[in-house]
Amino acid sequence: MSEYQQFLDERDKIDFLIQKGCRINGVREHLDGASVDFLHPNGNVTETLLIGTANGRKYFSSLLISQIHVDQA
């Protein structure tokens, strides 16, 4: 799979969780990329995605910054 296709797959998975109402709850960076924890709106279910592409990490970072700005408003 090309890196661009991998990014599209990661983006689609992130968007799916965001559309379900999940919020980014934690990020752990490591040599394989980043593990991003999403907390379900009811608060008791966490899903973790491994984001390996640089564009995928930039994408979830921009969503995280937007989430923080909404929380502060």
N, C-alpha and C. Protein backbone atom coordinates (compact mmCIF):
# COMPACT_ATOMS: atom_id res chain seq x y z
N MET A 1 0.85 -1.16 0.00
CA MET A 1 0.00 0.00 0.00
C MET A 1 0.90 1.24 0.00
N SER A 2 0.55 2.21 -0.83
CA SER A 2 1.36 3.43 -0.87
C SER A 2 1.13 4.23 0.41
N GLU A 3 2.08 5.12 0.69
CA GLU A 3 1.95 5.93 1.90
C GLU A 3 0.71 6.81 1.84
N TYR A 4 0.38 7.30 0.65
CA TYR A 4 -0.83 8.14 0.52
C TYR A 4 -2.08 7.31 0.81
N GLN A 5 -2.15 6.09 0.31
CA GLN A 5 -3.29 5.22 0.60
C GLN A 5 -3.38 4.91 2.08
N GLN A 6 -2.22 4.71 2.70
CA GLN A 6 -2.19 4.46 4.14
C GLN A 6 -2.73 5.67 4.90
N PHE A 7 -2.32 6.87 4.48
CA PHE A 7 -2.83 8.09 5.11
C PHE A 7 -4.35 8.19 4.95
N LEU A 8 -4.87 7.92 3.75
CA LEU A 8 -6.32 7.98 3.53
C LEU A 8 -7.05 7.01 4.44
N ASP A 9 -6.49 5.83 4.63
CA ASP A 9 -7.08 4.84 5.54
C ASP A 9 -7.09 5.35 6.97
N GLU A 10 -5.96 5.92 7.41
CA GLU A 10 -5.88 6.47 8.77
C GLU A 10 -6.87 7.63 8.94
N ARG A 11 -6.94 8.50 7.95
CA ARG A 11 -7.84 9.66 8.02
C ARG A 11 -9.29 9.19 8.12
N ASP A 12 -9.65 8.19 7.33
CA ASP A 12 -11.02 7.68 7.36
C ASP A 12 -11.36 7.09 8.73
N LYS A 13 -10.43 6.38 9.33
CA LYS A 13 -10.66 5.80 10.66
C LYS A 13 -10.82 6.89 11.71
N ILE A 14 -9.98 7.92 11.63
CA ILE A 14 -10.08 9.04 12.57
C ILE A 14 -11.42 9.74 12.40
N ASP A 15 -11.77 10.05 11.15
CA ASP A 15 -13.04 10.75 10.88
C ASP A 15 -14.23 9.94 11.36
N PHE A 16 -14.18 8.61 11.19
CA PHE A 16 -15.27 7.76 11.65
C PHE A 16 -15.47 7.88 13.16
N LEU A 17 -14.37 7.84 13.90
CA LEU A 17 -14.47 7.95 15.36
C LEU A 17 -14.96 9.33 15.78
N ILE A 18 -14.48 10.37 15.11
CA ILE A 18 -14.92 11.74 15.43
C ILE A 18 -16.41 11.89 15.14
N GLN A 19 -16.88 11.34 14.04
CA GLN A 19 -18.30 11.42 13.69
C GLN A 19 -19.17 10.66 14.68
N LYS A 20 -18.62 9.62 15.31
CA LYS A 20 -19.35 8.89 16.35
C LYS A 20 -19.42 9.69 17.64
N GLY A 21 -18.71 10.81 17.70
CA GLY A 21 -18.72 11.63 18.91
C GLY A 21 -17.52 11.41 19.81
N CYS A 22 -16.59 10.57 19.39
CA CYS A 22 -15.39 10.32 20.20
C CYS A 22 -14.50 11.55 20.21
N ARG A 23 -13.74 11.68 21.28
CA ARG A 23 -12.80 12.79 21.43
C ARG A 23 -11.41 12.22 21.67
N ILE A 24 -10.41 12.94 21.21
CA ILE A 24 -9.03 12.52 21.44
C ILE A 24 -8.74 12.67 22.93
N ASN A 25 -8.32 11.60 23.55
CA ASN A 25 -8.12 11.59 24.99
C ASN A 25 -6.65 11.44 25.38
N GLY A 26 -5.82 10.97 24.46
CA GLY A 26 -4.41 10.80 24.78
C GLY A 26 -3.62 10.43 23.53
N VAL A 27 -2.34 10.80 23.55
CA VAL A 27 -1.44 10.51 22.43
C VAL A 27 -0.12 10.01 23.01
N ARG A 28 0.36 8.89 22.45
CA ARG A 28 1.67 8.37 22.84
C ARG A 28 2.50 8.24 21.57
N GLU A 29 3.58 9.00 21.49
CA GLU A 29 4.49 8.93 20.35
C GLU A 29 5.50 7.81 20.57
N HIS A 30 5.83 7.09 19.50
CA HIS A 30 6.83 6.03 19.57
C HIS A 30 7.46 5.86 18.20
N LEU A 31 8.36 4.92 18.05
CA LEU A 31 9.10 4.77 16.81
C LEU A 31 8.23 4.36 15.62
N ASP A 32 7.08 3.75 15.87
CA ASP A 32 6.19 3.33 14.79
C ASP A 32 5.18 4.40 14.40
N GLY A 33 5.20 5.55 15.06
CA GLY A 33 4.25 6.62 14.80
C GLY A 33 3.67 7.13 16.09
N ALA A 34 2.34 7.08 16.19
CA ALA A 34 1.67 7.55 17.39
C ALA A 34 0.44 6.70 17.66
N SER A 35 0.21 6.40 18.92
CA SER A 35 -1.01 5.73 19.34
C SER A 35 -1.94 6.80 19.88
N VAL A 36 -3.11 6.91 19.27
CA VAL A 36 -4.07 7.95 19.64
C VAL A 36 -5.26 7.28 20.30
N ASP A 37 -5.57 7.69 21.53
CA ASP A 37 -6.71 7.16 22.27
C ASP A 37 -7.91 8.06 22.05
N PHE A 38 -9.03 7.45 21.67
CA PHE A 38 -10.29 8.16 21.49
C PHE A 38 -11.26 7.69 22.56
N LEU A 39 -11.87 8.64 23.25
CA LEU A 39 -12.83 8.34 24.32
C LEU A 39 -14.24 8.50 23.76
N HIS A 40 -15.03 7.44 23.92
CA HIS A 40 -16.42 7.46 23.45
C HIS A 40 -17.21 8.45 24.30
N PRO A 41 -18.25 9.09 23.74
CA PRO A 41 -18.99 10.12 24.48
C PRO A 41 -19.60 9.65 25.79
N ASN A 42 -19.93 8.36 25.91
CA ASN A 42 -20.50 7.91 27.19
C ASN A 42 -19.42 7.73 28.25
N GLY A 43 -18.15 7.85 27.85
CA GLY A 43 -17.06 7.91 28.82
C GLY A 43 -16.47 6.60 29.28
N ASN A 44 -16.99 5.47 28.84
CA ASN A 44 -16.44 4.23 29.37
C ASN A 44 -15.79 3.34 28.31
N VAL A 45 -15.69 3.81 27.08
CA VAL A 45 -15.07 3.02 26.01
C VAL A 45 -13.95 3.84 25.37
N THR A 46 -12.77 3.25 25.30
CA THR A 46 -11.64 3.89 24.65
C THR A 46 -11.19 3.03 23.48
N GLU A 47 -10.98 3.68 22.35
CA GLU A 47 -10.43 2.99 21.17
C GLU A 47 -9.09 3.62 20.85
N THR A 48 -8.13 2.80 20.46
CA THR A 48 -6.79 3.28 20.15
C THR A 48 -6.48 2.99 18.68
N LEU A 49 -5.99 4.02 17.99
CA LEU A 49 -5.54 3.86 16.61
C LEU A 49 -4.04 4.08 16.55
N LEU A 50 -3.36 3.28 15.75
CA LEU A 50 -1.95 3.49 15.47
C LEU A 50 -1.86 4.32 14.20
N ILE A 51 -1.29 5.50 14.30
CA ILE A 51 -1.13 6.40 13.16
C ILE A 51 0.34 6.40 12.80
N GLY A 52 0.66 5.88 11.61
CA GLY A 52 2.05 5.70 11.23
C GLY A 52 2.59 6.70 10.24
N THR A 53 1.71 7.39 9.51
CA THR A 53 2.20 8.32 8.49
C THR A 53 2.35 9.72 9.08
N ALA A 54 3.27 10.48 8.49
CA ALA A 54 3.47 11.86 8.94
C ALA A 54 2.22 12.69 8.70
N ASN A 55 1.57 12.49 7.55
CA ASN A 55 0.35 13.24 7.27
C ASN A 55 -0.77 12.86 8.22
N GLY A 56 -0.83 11.62 8.62
CA GLY A 56 -1.82 11.19 9.60
C GLY A 56 -1.59 11.85 10.95
N ARG A 57 -0.33 11.96 11.35
CA ARG A 57 -0.02 12.63 12.63
C ARG A 57 -0.35 14.12 12.55
N LYS A 58 -0.08 14.74 11.42
CA LYS A 58 -0.45 16.15 11.25
C LYS A 58 -1.97 16.31 11.30
N TYR A 59 -2.69 15.37 10.71
CA TYR A 59 -4.14 15.46 10.66
C TYR A 59 -4.75 15.37 12.06
N PHE A 60 -4.36 14.35 12.84
CA PHE A 60 -4.95 14.26 14.18
C PHE A 60 -4.48 15.40 15.07
N SER A 61 -3.28 15.92 14.83
CA SER A 61 -2.80 17.06 15.62
C SER A 61 -3.66 18.29 15.38
N SER A 62 -4.05 18.52 14.13
CA SER A 62 -4.91 19.67 13.84
C SER A 62 -6.28 19.49 14.48
N LEU A 63 -6.80 18.26 14.50
CA LEU A 63 -8.08 17.99 15.16
C LEU A 63 -7.97 18.20 16.67
N LEU A 64 -6.84 17.79 17.24
CA LEU A 64 -6.63 17.96 18.67
C LEU A 64 -6.58 19.44 19.04
N ILE A 65 -5.90 20.23 18.23
CA ILE A 65 -5.83 21.67 18.50
C ILE A 65 -7.21 22.29 18.41
N SER A 66 -8.00 21.91 17.41
CA SER A 66 -9.38 22.41 17.29
C SER A 66 -10.21 22.01 18.49
N GLN A 67 -10.02 20.77 18.94
CA GLN A 67 -10.77 20.28 20.11
C GLN A 67 -10.43 21.11 21.34
N ILE A 68 -9.17 21.45 21.52
CA ILE A 68 -8.75 22.24 22.67
C ILE A 68 -9.35 23.64 22.60
N HIS A 69 -9.36 24.24 21.40
CA HIS A 69 -9.92 25.59 21.25
C HIS A 69 -11.41 25.59 21.55
N VAL A 70 -12.14 24.55 21.16
CA VAL A 70 -13.57 24.46 21.43
C VAL A 70 -13.80 24.31 22.93
N ASP A 71 -12.96 23.53 23.59
CA ASP A 71 -13.10 23.34 25.03
C ASP A 71 -12.87 24.63 25.82
N GLN A 72 -11.99 25.48 25.31
CA GLN A 72 -11.67 26.72 26.01
C GLN A 72 -12.67 27.84 25.73
N ALA A 73 -13.47 27.69 24.70
CA ALA A 73 -14.44 28.74 24.33
C ALA A 73 -15.67 28.69 25.21
